[in-house]
Amino acid sequence: MQSLDRTKSKIKKLSASSVIKDDDSLVSFLTEVPEPLKEAMTTFIETHPNWDQYRLIQAALSGFLVQNGIESRSINRLYFQNMFSKNAFQKTL
């Protein structure tokens, strides 16, 4: 139950973040994630309060595309906003 409440809270924060703007289009998708990857994501998100599953996936996908030769301003912008925003790697004590 606490996990569900935390997820709902993260979604509200995401919709208010500067990464997502009104004129951006969003696409939702479902995919299976191997258990070790899910556990690593959960651990990272729990220790980095400024991150959530959506920001992590956006950073990972955009970073992969940038590193593999995709030349797109919007992809670059997403990558840099997710990776280098203020306090991106602040940990909880």
N, C-alpha and C. Protein backbone atom coordinates (compact mmCIF):
# COMPACT_ATOMS: atom_id res chain seq x y z
N MET A 1 0.82 -1.19 0.00
CA MET A 1 0.00 0.00 0.00
C MET A 1 0.87 1.25 0.00
N GLN A 2 1.93 1.25 0.80
CA GLN A 2 2.83 2.39 0.85
C GLN A 2 3.51 2.61 -0.50
N SER A 3 3.83 1.54 -1.19
CA SER A 3 4.44 1.63 -2.51
C SER A 3 3.48 2.29 -3.51
N LEU A 4 2.21 1.95 -3.44
CA LEU A 4 1.21 2.54 -4.33
C LEU A 4 1.07 4.03 -4.05
N ASP A 5 1.03 4.41 -2.78
CA ASP A 5 0.93 5.83 -2.42
C ASP A 5 2.16 6.59 -2.90
N ARG A 6 3.31 5.97 -2.77
CA ARG A 6 4.56 6.61 -3.21
C ARG A 6 4.55 6.79 -4.73
N THR A 7 4.06 5.80 -5.46
CA THR A 7 3.98 5.88 -6.91
C THR A 7 3.04 7.00 -7.33
N LYS A 8 1.88 7.10 -6.69
CA LYS A 8 0.93 8.17 -7.01
C LYS A 8 1.56 9.53 -6.75
N SER A 9 2.30 9.65 -5.66
CA SER A 9 2.97 10.91 -5.33
C SER A 9 4.01 11.25 -6.39
N LYS A 10 4.75 10.25 -6.84
CA LYS A 10 5.77 10.47 -7.87
C LYS A 10 5.14 10.92 -9.18
N ILE A 11 3.98 10.36 -9.52
CA ILE A 11 3.30 10.73 -10.76
C ILE A 11 2.87 12.20 -10.69
N LYS A 12 2.35 12.63 -9.53
CA LYS A 12 1.97 14.03 -9.37
C LYS A 12 3.18 14.94 -9.53
N LYS A 13 4.31 14.56 -8.94
CA LYS A 13 5.53 15.36 -9.07
C LYS A 13 5.99 15.40 -10.51
N LEU A 14 5.91 14.29 -11.21
CA LEU A 14 6.35 14.23 -12.60
C LEU A 14 5.53 15.17 -13.46
N SER A 15 4.22 15.19 -13.26
CA SER A 15 3.38 16.04 -14.09
C SER A 15 3.66 17.52 -13.84
N ALA A 16 4.21 17.85 -12.68
CA ALA A 16 4.53 19.24 -12.37
C ALA A 16 5.98 19.59 -12.68
N SER A 17 6.76 18.62 -13.11
CA SER A 17 8.19 18.87 -13.34
C SER A 17 8.42 19.65 -14.62
N SER A 18 9.61 20.23 -14.73
CA SER A 18 9.95 21.02 -15.91
C SER A 18 10.31 20.14 -17.10
N VAL A 19 10.51 18.86 -16.89
CA VAL A 19 10.86 17.96 -17.99
C VAL A 19 9.67 17.77 -18.92
N ILE A 20 8.48 17.66 -18.38
CA ILE A 20 7.28 17.45 -19.17
C ILE A 20 6.56 18.79 -19.32
N LYS A 21 6.32 19.20 -20.54
CA LYS A 21 5.62 20.44 -20.81
C LYS A 21 4.28 20.12 -21.46
N ASP A 22 3.37 21.09 -21.42
CA ASP A 22 2.03 20.88 -21.98
C ASP A 22 2.06 20.51 -23.45
N ASP A 23 3.02 21.05 -24.21
CA ASP A 23 3.04 20.81 -25.64
C ASP A 23 3.77 19.52 -26.02
N ASP A 24 4.34 18.83 -25.05
CA ASP A 24 5.00 17.55 -25.32
C ASP A 24 3.96 16.45 -25.44
N SER A 25 4.22 15.50 -26.32
CA SER A 25 3.32 14.35 -26.40
C SER A 25 3.93 13.21 -25.59
N LEU A 26 3.09 12.46 -24.94
CA LEU A 26 3.52 11.35 -24.12
C LEU A 26 2.97 10.05 -24.70
N VAL A 27 3.77 9.02 -24.65
CA VAL A 27 3.35 7.70 -25.10
C VAL A 27 3.58 6.75 -23.93
N SER A 28 2.57 6.00 -23.57
CA SER A 28 2.70 5.02 -22.50
C SER A 28 2.90 3.65 -23.12
N PHE A 29 3.70 2.83 -22.45
CA PHE A 29 3.87 1.46 -22.90
C PHE A 29 4.12 0.55 -21.70
N LEU A 30 3.78 -0.69 -21.88
CA LEU A 30 4.02 -1.70 -20.85
C LEU A 30 5.10 -2.64 -21.35
N THR A 31 5.98 -3.01 -20.45
CA THR A 31 7.00 -3.97 -20.83
C THR A 31 7.40 -4.77 -19.59
N GLU A 32 7.85 -5.97 -19.82
CA GLU A 32 8.36 -6.78 -18.72
C GLU A 32 9.81 -6.40 -18.47
N VAL A 33 10.15 -6.30 -17.20
CA VAL A 33 11.50 -5.94 -16.80
C VAL A 33 12.06 -7.10 -15.98
N PRO A 34 13.26 -7.57 -16.32
CA PRO A 34 13.86 -8.65 -15.53
C PRO A 34 13.99 -8.24 -14.06
N GLU A 35 13.82 -9.19 -13.18
CA GLU A 35 13.83 -8.92 -11.73
C GLU A 35 15.10 -8.20 -11.26
N PRO A 36 16.31 -8.59 -11.70
CA PRO A 36 17.50 -7.86 -11.24
C PRO A 36 17.48 -6.38 -11.64
N LEU A 37 16.97 -6.07 -12.82
CA LEU A 37 16.87 -4.69 -13.27
C LEU A 37 15.85 -3.93 -12.44
N LYS A 38 14.71 -4.55 -12.16
CA LYS A 38 13.68 -3.92 -11.32
C LYS A 38 14.20 -3.64 -9.92
N GLU A 39 14.93 -4.60 -9.36
CA GLU A 39 15.48 -4.41 -8.01
C GLU A 39 16.50 -3.28 -7.99
N ALA A 40 17.35 -3.20 -9.01
CA ALA A 40 18.34 -2.14 -9.08
C ALA A 40 17.65 -0.78 -9.23
N MET A 41 16.61 -0.71 -10.05
CA MET A 41 15.86 0.54 -10.21
C MET A 41 15.22 0.96 -8.88
N THR A 42 14.61 0.01 -8.19
CA THR A 42 13.96 0.31 -6.92
C THR A 42 14.97 0.82 -5.90
N THR A 43 16.11 0.18 -5.82
CA THR A 43 17.16 0.60 -4.88
C THR A 43 17.63 2.01 -5.21
N PHE A 44 17.86 2.28 -6.49
CA PHE A 44 18.31 3.61 -6.90
C PHE A 44 17.28 4.67 -6.55
N ILE A 45 16.02 4.42 -6.86
CA ILE A 45 14.95 5.39 -6.60
C ILE A 45 14.78 5.63 -5.11
N GLU A 46 14.91 4.59 -4.32
CA GLU A 46 14.76 4.74 -2.86
C GLU A 46 15.89 5.58 -2.26
N THR A 47 17.07 5.54 -2.86
CA THR A 47 18.21 6.29 -2.31
C THR A 47 18.41 7.65 -2.98
N HIS A 48 17.64 7.94 -4.01
CA HIS A 48 17.73 9.23 -4.71
C HIS A 48 16.32 9.82 -4.81
N PRO A 49 15.93 10.64 -3.84
CA PRO A 49 14.55 11.12 -3.77
C PRO A 49 14.12 12.01 -4.94
N ASN A 50 15.05 12.56 -5.68
CA ASN A 50 14.68 13.40 -6.83
C ASN A 50 14.40 12.60 -8.09
N TRP A 51 14.51 11.30 -8.00
CA TRP A 51 14.29 10.43 -9.16
C TRP A 51 13.04 9.59 -8.93
N ASP A 52 12.37 9.24 -10.02
CA ASP A 52 11.28 8.28 -9.98
C ASP A 52 11.44 7.37 -11.19
N GLN A 53 10.56 6.37 -11.30
CA GLN A 53 10.72 5.39 -12.37
C GLN A 53 10.60 6.02 -13.76
N TYR A 54 9.81 7.06 -13.89
CA TYR A 54 9.62 7.70 -15.18
C TYR A 54 10.85 8.49 -15.60
N ARG A 55 11.40 9.24 -14.65
CA ARG A 55 12.61 10.01 -14.95
C ARG A 55 13.77 9.07 -15.26
N LEU A 56 13.88 7.99 -14.51
CA LEU A 56 14.96 7.03 -14.73
C LEU A 56 14.86 6.40 -16.12
N ILE A 57 13.67 5.99 -16.52
CA ILE A 57 13.48 5.39 -17.85
C ILE A 57 13.76 6.42 -18.94
N GLN A 58 13.28 7.66 -18.76
CA GLN A 58 13.54 8.70 -19.75
C GLN A 58 15.03 8.95 -19.91
N ALA A 59 15.74 9.03 -18.78
CA ALA A 59 17.19 9.27 -18.83
C ALA A 59 17.91 8.10 -19.49
N ALA A 60 17.50 6.89 -19.16
CA ALA A 60 18.15 5.71 -19.73
C ALA A 60 17.92 5.62 -21.24
N LEU A 61 16.68 5.79 -21.67
CA LEU A 61 16.38 5.70 -23.11
C LEU A 61 17.04 6.83 -23.90
N SER A 62 16.91 8.04 -23.41
CA SER A 62 17.50 9.16 -24.14
C SER A 62 19.02 9.07 -24.13
N GLY A 63 19.61 8.65 -23.01
CA GLY A 63 21.06 8.46 -22.95
C GLY A 63 21.55 7.41 -23.92
N PHE A 64 20.84 6.30 -23.99
CA PHE A 64 21.19 5.24 -24.93
C PHE A 64 21.15 5.76 -26.36
N LEU A 65 20.08 6.48 -26.71
CA LEU A 65 19.94 6.99 -28.07
C LEU A 65 21.03 8.02 -28.41
N VAL A 66 21.32 8.93 -27.47
CA VAL A 66 22.37 9.93 -27.69
C VAL A 66 23.72 9.25 -27.88
N GLN A 67 24.03 8.28 -27.04
CA GLN A 67 25.32 7.59 -27.11
C GLN A 67 25.45 6.72 -28.36
N ASN A 68 24.33 6.41 -28.99
CA ASN A 68 24.37 5.56 -30.18
C ASN A 68 24.04 6.32 -31.46
N GLY A 69 24.30 7.62 -31.45
CA GLY A 69 24.28 8.38 -32.68
C GLY A 69 23.00 9.07 -33.09
N ILE A 70 21.97 9.03 -32.25
CA ILE A 70 20.75 9.76 -32.60
C ILE A 70 21.00 11.24 -32.39
N GLU A 71 20.83 12.03 -33.42
CA GLU A 71 21.05 13.46 -33.34
C GLU A 71 19.71 14.18 -33.37
N SER A 72 19.19 14.44 -32.19
CA SER A 72 17.89 15.09 -32.06
C SER A 72 17.95 16.07 -30.90
N ARG A 73 17.59 17.30 -31.16
CA ARG A 73 17.60 18.30 -30.09
C ARG A 73 16.68 17.92 -28.94
N SER A 74 15.51 17.42 -29.27
CA SER A 74 14.55 17.08 -28.21
C SER A 74 15.04 15.90 -27.37
N ILE A 75 15.69 14.93 -27.99
CA ILE A 75 16.25 13.80 -27.23
C ILE A 75 17.40 14.28 -26.36
N ASN A 76 18.28 15.11 -26.93
CA ASN A 76 19.38 15.67 -26.14
C ASN A 76 18.85 16.46 -24.95
N ARG A 77 17.81 17.26 -25.19
CA ARG A 77 17.24 18.07 -24.12
C ARG A 77 16.70 17.18 -23.00
N LEU A 78 15.96 16.14 -23.35
CA LEU A 78 15.44 15.22 -22.34
C LEU A 78 16.58 14.59 -21.54
N TYR A 79 17.61 14.16 -22.23
CA TYR A 79 18.75 13.52 -21.56
C TYR A 79 19.40 14.48 -20.56
N PHE A 80 19.70 15.69 -21.02
CA PHE A 80 20.39 16.63 -20.14
C PHE A 80 19.50 17.13 -19.01
N GLN A 81 18.23 17.32 -19.25
CA GLN A 81 17.33 17.73 -18.17
C GLN A 81 17.22 16.66 -17.11
N ASN A 82 17.15 15.41 -17.53
CA ASN A 82 17.03 14.33 -16.55
C ASN A 82 18.34 14.09 -15.80
N MET A 83 19.44 14.15 -16.50
CA MET A 83 20.72 13.81 -15.88
C MET A 83 21.34 14.95 -15.08
N PHE A 84 21.16 16.17 -15.52
CA PHE A 84 21.93 17.26 -14.94
C PHE A 84 21.09 18.35 -14.30
N SER A 85 19.91 18.00 -13.85
CA SER A 85 19.11 18.99 -13.14
C SER A 85 19.70 19.19 -11.73
N LYS A 86 19.33 20.28 -11.12
CA LYS A 86 19.83 20.59 -9.79
C LYS A 86 19.52 19.45 -8.82
N ASN A 87 20.50 19.04 -8.07
CA ASN A 87 20.38 17.98 -7.07
C ASN A 87 19.93 16.63 -7.64
N ALA A 88 20.34 16.33 -8.86
CA ALA A 88 19.92 15.08 -9.51
C ALA A 88 20.33 13.85 -8.72
N PHE A 89 21.44 13.92 -8.02
CA PHE A 89 21.92 12.74 -7.33
C PHE A 89 21.98 12.92 -5.82
N GLN A 90 21.12 13.77 -5.30
CA GLN A 90 21.03 13.96 -3.86
C GLN A 90 20.54 12.65 -3.22
N LYS A 91 21.24 12.21 -2.19
CA LYS A 91 20.84 10.97 -1.51
C LYS A 91 20.15 11.30 -0.21
N THR A 92 19.30 10.38 0.23
CA THR A 92 18.68 10.54 1.54
C THR A 92 19.67 10.07 2.59
N LEU A 93 19.56 10.64 3.75
CA LEU A 93 20.47 10.25 4.84
C LEU A 93 19.86 9.21 5.72
